[in-house]
Structures are given as C-alpha cells and as structure tokens.
C-alpha cells in the first residue's frame, strides 16, 4: 500500500503539470470542437452561411491550438520560436487544413446547387452570391483551389432551370399542333384504316414531332441543353407545317433568349445576369 500513494500523487501531479503546460491547446481544442459541432448541425439543417462561419472559427481555433506548441516563455515576455522541424510540421498542418477546407467548400457548393430540388428553394441569386463569396474568400486567403468542376455543375443546373421554364411555353403550341395532326390523320385514313401503308408512314413522321427534351437534366450536365431545345422546337414546327399543313406560332423573344444562352455555352463563357436569374426563378 505504501507504493500506491506516491504513485497516485505522481499521476495527480502529472495531470496538473500537463494541464498547466498545455492549457492553451486544451482550451482552443475544446472551443474548436464546439464550433465544428455547430458547423455540422447548421449544414444538416441547410443553413450554409452559418455553417461556413462556424467552420471558419473551428479552423482558427485549430490553428491556434497547434501553434501554441511553438511558444516558449522567457522572462517577462513571450518569445515565439519555431525550429526547422516545427516549421515543417506547421507547413504540413496548414496544407492538410487547406485540403479539408477545400473539400468542405466544394461540398457546400454542391449541396447549395441541389437545394430546392426536393424542398424549399432559396433562389439562384443566393446560389451565385454564395459561389462568388466562397471563391473570392479563398483567393484572399491565398488558396489556389480549382472550382472549375463546381462552376460547370452550377451552370448546368442553372441552364436546366432556365430552359425548363422557357420550354414550357415553346413546347405547348407544338403539343397542341401534334394533337391536331393526330386528328387529321384519323380523319384522313378513317376507321377501320383504309390505307395501312400510308397511315404507318404518316405515324412515323408524326412521332418525330418532339414535345419535350428527353432526359433534359442529364443533357444539361453533358451538353448544350439550350441549343438542343431550339433544334427540337424548330424541327417540330417545320414537320407540322410541311407534312400536316399546320402552322403554329412560337415566341420569338423566348427563342432569342435561348439562342443567346446557347451561344454563351458554346463559347464557354456563360454570363450570369439578373435577367437570366429571373428566368431561372420566375417565382422569386
């Protein structure tokens, strides 16, 4: 028993000494843990601005807790001394934190781009503001992060929303014209059908009239959805006119808008304007 008491006192002194020597790291680590917990919570409830802010505080706390190891007290002042190995360790730590922040930022952008697909939609103005804010903040911090893939994804979804709203008004007269063409076919060939060969030929032509873009979402991710939509609308109008003698009116202003968007996509320089944002969010 006589050996247990000194051993117990040794452990107690060891813990007290550890706390005294590393209290800064312990405090900053605990603060950082609180911030990252709140960041995860805010991200879970789709409050991305708050999540970014709290994660930034976690980043600062983590850096401070790490740099506290490099401080040494002398006399009445504090002298920060970084040995060569500590410099390398600090540089490695900063690089790892940059990678974590990069992943976190990209995930936030991807989550924001998809927000509103299955729930409340904050609007594209908010989406693009967040994108510009994140990219500019990283530049100011000196982070060389390639957001090309994320911007391409943003633009693809943006164009998809624009085309989805505009194409409704373009494909509606096509749809009505196709229904009218079907009635003309039924009247022309009668029931029962008097000319099966002629009827089958007419049906094949009739089926080429498109009233929507198939798999539009995937098309937007991989190709020029605006240009493809224009081609389908124009070709369907031509088919109705040439084969069924049905003339329909298409909104020229909407076609011009899609034409401009298509040209910008082809040039690789989509300009985000308030006009396009309103078209992507007509309810806003």
Protein backbone atom coordinates (compact mmCIF):
# COMPACT_ATOMS: atom_id res chain seq x y z
CA UNK A 1 0.00 0.00 0.00
CA UNK A 2 2.92 2.33 0.70
CA UNK A 3 3.77 2.32 -3.02
CA UNK A 4 0.24 3.17 -4.20
CA UNK A 5 0.01 6.55 -2.50
CA UNK A 6 3.15 8.05 -4.07
CA UNK A 7 2.06 6.60 -7.41
CA UNK A 8 -1.36 8.24 -7.04
CA UNK A 9 0.28 11.55 -6.13
CA UNK A 10 2.58 11.21 -9.13
CA UNK A 11 -0.37 10.76 -11.51
CA UNK A 12 -2.10 13.74 -9.94
CA UNK A 13 0.95 15.95 -10.30
CA UNK A 14 1.49 14.67 -13.82
CA UNK A 15 -2.05 15.61 -14.85
CA UNK A 16 -1.78 19.03 -13.19
CA UNK A 17 1.56 19.64 -14.87
CA UNK A 18 0.16 18.57 -18.23
CA UNK A 19 -2.76 20.94 -17.89
CA UNK A 20 -0.50 23.82 -16.81
CA UNK A 21 1.88 23.27 -19.69
CA UNK A 22 -0.70 22.74 -22.44
CA UNK A 23 -3.74 24.65 -21.18
CA UNK A 24 -3.82 26.81 -24.36
CA UNK A 25 -4.04 23.76 -26.61
CA UNK A 26 -6.74 22.19 -24.43
CA UNK A 27 -8.85 25.36 -24.39
CA UNK A 28 -8.56 26.03 -28.13
CA UNK A 29 -9.20 22.36 -28.92
CA UNK A 30 -12.41 22.37 -26.86
CA UNK A 31 -13.53 25.62 -28.47
CA UNK A 32 -12.77 24.20 -31.91
CA UNK A 33 -14.75 21.05 -31.12
CA UNK A 34 -17.76 23.18 -30.21
CA UNK A 35 -17.50 25.18 -33.43
CA UNK A 36 -17.20 22.13 -35.70
CA UNK A 37 -20.18 20.54 -33.93
CA UNK A 38 -22.29 23.62 -34.61
CA UNK A 39 -21.00 23.72 -38.20
CA UNK A 40 -22.13 20.14 -38.83
CA UNK A 41 -25.51 20.92 -37.26
CA UNK A 42 -26.04 24.04 -39.39
CA UNK A 43 -25.06 22.10 -42.52
CA UNK A 44 -27.56 19.39 -41.58
CA UNK A 45 -30.44 21.90 -41.32
CA UNK A 46 -29.33 23.57 -44.59
CA UNK A 47 -28.11 26.84 -43.01
CA UNK A 48 -25.00 27.09 -45.15
CA UNK A 49 -23.97 30.63 -44.23
CA UNK A 50 -23.92 29.78 -40.53
CA UNK A 51 -22.12 26.52 -41.29
CA UNK A 52 -19.36 28.36 -43.15
CA UNK A 53 -18.94 30.92 -40.36
CA UNK A 54 -18.69 28.34 -37.58
CA UNK A 55 -16.33 26.18 -39.61
CA UNK A 56 -14.10 29.21 -40.09
CA UNK A 57 -13.98 29.67 -36.32
CA UNK A 58 -13.10 25.99 -35.95
CA UNK A 59 -10.27 26.47 -38.43
CA UNK A 60 -8.86 29.41 -36.44
CA UNK A 61 -9.17 27.55 -33.13
CA UNK A 62 -7.42 24.51 -34.56
CA UNK A 63 -4.53 26.60 -35.87
CA UNK A 64 -4.16 28.43 -32.54
CA UNK A 65 -4.19 25.18 -30.59
CA UNK A 66 -1.42 23.84 -32.82
CA UNK A 67 0.74 26.95 -32.83
CA UNK A 68 0.65 27.12 -29.02
CA UNK A 69 3.16 24.25 -29.03
CA UNK A 70 5.75 26.53 -30.58
CA UNK A 71 5.69 29.20 -27.88
CA UNK A 72 8.31 29.43 -25.15
CA UNK A 73 8.20 31.78 -22.19
CA UNK A 74 11.29 33.83 -21.35
CA UNK A 75 11.48 36.38 -18.57
CA UNK A 76 8.52 38.72 -18.54
CA UNK A 77 7.76 38.39 -22.26
CA UNK A 78 6.73 35.70 -24.73
CA UNK A 79 9.10 34.70 -27.46
CA UNK A 80 7.72 32.54 -30.26
CA UNK A 81 10.42 30.24 -31.54
CA UNK A 82 9.90 27.92 -34.49
CA UNK A 83 12.61 25.36 -35.05
CA UNK A 84 13.14 23.94 -38.53
CA UNK A 85 11.27 20.73 -37.76
CA UNK A 86 8.44 22.71 -36.24
CA UNK A 87 8.28 24.88 -39.34
CA UNK A 88 7.87 21.80 -41.48
CA UNK A 89 5.25 20.43 -39.12
CA UNK A 90 3.35 23.72 -39.20
CA UNK A 91 3.51 23.86 -43.01
CA UNK A 92 2.25 20.29 -43.23
CA UNK A 93 -0.58 21.11 -40.83
CA UNK A 94 -1.63 24.15 -42.85
CA UNK A 95 -1.62 22.15 -46.10
CA UNK A 96 -3.82 19.46 -44.54
CA UNK A 97 -6.21 22.10 -43.24
CA UNK A 98 -6.34 23.67 -46.71
CA UNK A 99 -7.36 20.33 -48.16
CA UNK A 100 -10.07 19.94 -45.52
CA UNK A 101 -11.39 23.45 -46.16
CA UNK A 102 -11.30 22.84 -49.93
CA UNK A 103 -13.39 19.68 -49.60
CA UNK A 104 -15.77 21.41 -47.20
CA UNK A 105 -16.22 24.42 -49.51
CA UNK A 106 -16.85 22.25 -52.56
CA UNK A 107 -19.39 20.12 -50.70
CA UNK A 108 -21.20 23.27 -49.57
CA UNK A 109 -21.41 24.49 -53.18
CA UNK A 110 -22.69 21.16 -54.47
CA UNK A 111 -25.27 20.96 -51.67
CA UNK A 112 -26.42 24.51 -52.38
CA UNK A 113 -26.75 23.80 -56.11
CA UNK A 114 -29.05 20.87 -55.40
CA UNK A 115 -31.03 22.59 -52.65
CA UNK A 116 -34.63 23.22 -53.57
CA UNK A 117 -34.88 20.18 -55.85
CA UNK A 118 -36.71 18.29 -53.11
CA UNK A 119 -37.52 21.13 -50.72
CA UNK A 120 -37.52 24.93 -50.26
CA UNK A 121 -35.54 26.81 -52.90
CA UNK A 122 -33.57 29.91 -51.86
CA UNK A 123 -33.14 31.07 -55.43
CA UNK A 124 -30.30 31.32 -57.91
CA UNK A 125 -29.30 34.81 -56.84
CA UNK A 126 -28.46 33.41 -53.42
CA UNK A 127 -26.68 30.43 -55.02
CA UNK A 128 -24.43 32.57 -57.20
CA UNK A 129 -23.73 35.02 -54.37
CA UNK A 130 -22.52 32.13 -52.22
CA UNK A 131 -20.38 30.80 -55.07
CA UNK A 132 -18.72 34.17 -55.66
CA UNK A 133 -18.24 34.76 -51.93
CA UNK A 134 -16.56 31.40 -51.34
CA UNK A 135 -14.27 31.64 -54.36
CA UNK A 136 -13.25 35.24 -53.54
CA UNK A 137 -12.58 34.39 -49.88
CA UNK A 138 -10.28 31.56 -50.89
CA UNK A 139 -8.41 33.89 -53.25
CA UNK A 140 -7.94 36.44 -50.48
CA UNK A 141 -6.56 33.71 -48.23
CA UNK A 142 -4.14 32.73 -50.98
CA UNK A 143 -5.73 29.33 -51.60
CA UNK A 144 -5.25 28.07 -55.16
CA UNK A 145 -8.41 25.99 -55.48
CA UNK A 146 -9.81 24.91 -58.83
CA UNK A 147 -13.58 25.41 -58.77
CA UNK A 148 -13.99 24.69 -62.50
CA UNK A 149 -15.91 21.47 -61.96
CA UNK A 150 -18.21 23.06 -59.41
CA UNK A 151 -18.89 26.08 -61.62
CA UNK A 152 -19.67 23.80 -64.56
CA UNK A 153 -22.15 21.92 -62.39
CA UNK A 154 -23.69 25.20 -61.21
CA UNK A 155 -24.03 26.42 -64.79
CA UNK A 156 -25.57 23.14 -65.96
CA UNK A 157 -28.28 23.28 -63.27
CA UNK A 158 -28.77 26.98 -63.90
CA UNK A 159 -29.32 26.41 -67.62
CA UNK A 160 -31.59 23.47 -66.87
CA UNK A 161 -33.86 25.69 -64.75
CA UNK A 162 -33.89 28.44 -67.39
CA UNK A 163 -34.71 26.05 -70.23
CA UNK A 164 -37.30 24.17 -68.14
CA UNK A 165 -39.33 27.34 -67.57
CA UNK A 166 -38.94 28.75 -71.09
CA UNK A 167 -39.52 25.48 -72.95
CA UNK A 168 -42.95 25.05 -71.39
CA UNK A 169 -44.21 28.00 -73.46
CA UNK A 170 -42.36 26.81 -76.57
CA UNK A 171 -43.42 23.17 -76.49
CA UNK A 172 -47.08 23.90 -75.64
CA UNK A 173 -48.04 25.00 -79.20
CA UNK A 174 -46.00 22.05 -80.54
CA UNK A 175 -48.00 19.72 -78.30
CA UNK A 176 -51.30 21.24 -79.42
CA UNK A 177 -50.22 21.03 -83.07
CA UNK A 178 -49.27 17.38 -82.67
CA UNK A 179 -52.69 16.60 -81.20
CA UNK A 180 -54.35 18.38 -84.14
CA UNK A 181 -52.19 16.39 -86.58
CA UNK A 182 -53.38 13.15 -84.97
CA UNK A 183 -56.99 14.15 -85.52
CA UNK A 184 -56.28 14.96 -89.18
CA UNK A 185 -54.65 11.54 -89.62
CA UNK A 186 -57.62 9.76 -88.09
CA UNK A 187 -60.00 11.66 -90.36
CA UNK A 188 -57.88 11.10 -93.46
CA UNK A 189 -57.43 7.32 -93.09
CA UNK A 190 -60.73 6.56 -91.35
CA UNK A 191 -61.62 3.72 -89.02
CA UNK A 192 -61.02 1.00 -89.95
CA UNK A 193 -57.87 2.30 -91.65
CA UNK A 194 -58.26 2.28 -95.42
CA UNK A 195 -54.58 2.70 -96.35
CA UNK A 196 -52.38 0.90 -93.82
CA UNK A 197 -49.10 1.65 -95.61
CA UNK A 198 -49.89 5.34 -95.95
CA UNK A 199 -51.10 5.51 -92.36
CA UNK A 200 -47.94 3.88 -90.99
CA UNK A 201 -45.79 6.34 -92.94
CA UNK A 202 -47.75 9.27 -91.52
CA UNK A 203 -47.42 7.86 -87.99
CA UNK A 204 -43.65 7.59 -88.37
CA UNK A 205 -43.47 11.24 -89.40
CA UNK A 206 -45.87 12.23 -86.61
CA UNK A 207 -43.67 10.52 -84.00
CA UNK A 208 -40.70 12.70 -84.94
CA UNK A 209 -42.54 15.70 -83.54
CA UNK A 210 -40.96 16.24 -80.12
CA UNK A 211 -42.88 17.93 -77.30
CA UNK A 212 -40.01 17.84 -74.77
CA UNK A 213 -36.30 17.13 -74.42
CA UNK A 214 -35.75 13.56 -73.27
CA UNK A 215 -33.62 13.29 -70.12
CA UNK A 216 -33.19 17.06 -70.05
CA UNK A 217 -31.35 17.05 -66.72
CA UNK A 218 -28.66 14.65 -67.96
CA UNK A 219 -28.45 16.53 -71.27
CA UNK A 220 -27.80 19.78 -69.40
CA UNK A 221 -24.94 18.18 -67.47
CA UNK A 222 -23.30 16.79 -70.60
CA UNK A 223 -24.27 19.06 -73.50
CA UNK A 224 -25.89 22.31 -74.65
CA UNK A 225 -29.50 21.95 -73.48
CA UNK A 226 -30.50 25.39 -74.79
CA UNK A 227 -29.25 24.63 -78.31
CA UNK A 228 -30.83 21.17 -78.37
CA UNK A 229 -34.16 22.63 -77.25
CA UNK A 230 -34.10 25.19 -80.07
CA UNK A 231 -33.37 22.48 -82.65
CA UNK A 232 -36.23 20.28 -81.42
CA UNK A 233 -38.74 23.14 -81.38
CA UNK A 234 -37.79 24.46 -84.82
CA UNK A 235 -37.73 20.99 -86.41
CA UNK A 236 -41.08 20.05 -84.89
CA UNK A 237 -42.64 23.29 -86.16
CA UNK A 238 -41.26 22.57 -89.64
CA UNK A 239 -42.62 19.00 -89.60
CA UNK A 240 -46.10 20.19 -88.61
CA UNK A 241 -46.06 22.78 -91.39
CA UNK A 242 -44.59 20.67 -94.22
CA UNK A 243 -46.26 17.31 -93.59
CA UNK A 244 -49.54 18.24 -91.91
CA UNK A 245 -50.04 21.85 -93.09
CA UNK A 246 -50.41 23.04 -89.50
CA UNK A 247 -48.83 26.43 -88.76
CA UNK A 248 -48.06 27.27 -85.14
CA UNK A 249 -46.70 30.42 -83.53
CA UNK A 250 -43.52 30.31 -81.48
CA UNK A 251 -42.50 33.11 -79.13
CA UNK A 252 -39.55 34.73 -80.93
CA UNK A 253 -38.34 36.51 -77.76
CA UNK A 254 -38.02 33.20 -75.91
CA UNK A 255 -36.16 31.66 -78.84
CA UNK A 256 -33.77 34.63 -78.89
CA UNK A 257 -33.05 34.19 -75.18
CA UNK A 258 -32.30 30.51 -75.64
CA UNK A 259 -30.15 31.40 -78.64
CA UNK A 260 -28.02 33.78 -76.54
CA UNK A 261 -27.66 31.22 -73.76
CA UNK A 262 -26.73 28.55 -76.29
CA UNK A 263 -24.08 30.78 -77.87
CA UNK A 264 -22.54 31.53 -74.48
CA UNK A 265 -22.46 27.84 -73.59
CA UNK A 266 -20.69 27.08 -76.85
CA UNK A 267 -18.14 29.82 -76.17
CA UNK A 268 -17.58 28.52 -72.65
CA UNK A 269 -18.44 31.87 -71.08
CA UNK A 270 -21.94 31.87 -69.60
CA UNK A 271 -22.73 35.37 -68.31
CA UNK A 272 -24.81 35.34 -65.12
CA UNK A 273 -27.19 38.29 -65.40
CA UNK A 274 -30.22 39.38 -63.38
CA UNK A 275 -32.36 38.70 -66.46
CA UNK A 276 -31.26 35.06 -66.60
CA UNK A 277 -31.65 34.67 -62.84
CA UNK A 278 -35.27 35.85 -63.12
CA UNK A 279 -35.87 33.32 -65.89
CA UNK A 280 -34.39 30.54 -63.74
CA UNK A 281 -36.50 31.64 -60.75
CA UNK A 282 -39.74 33.02 -62.19
CA UNK A 283 -41.49 32.59 -58.82
CA UNK A 284 -38.97 34.81 -57.00
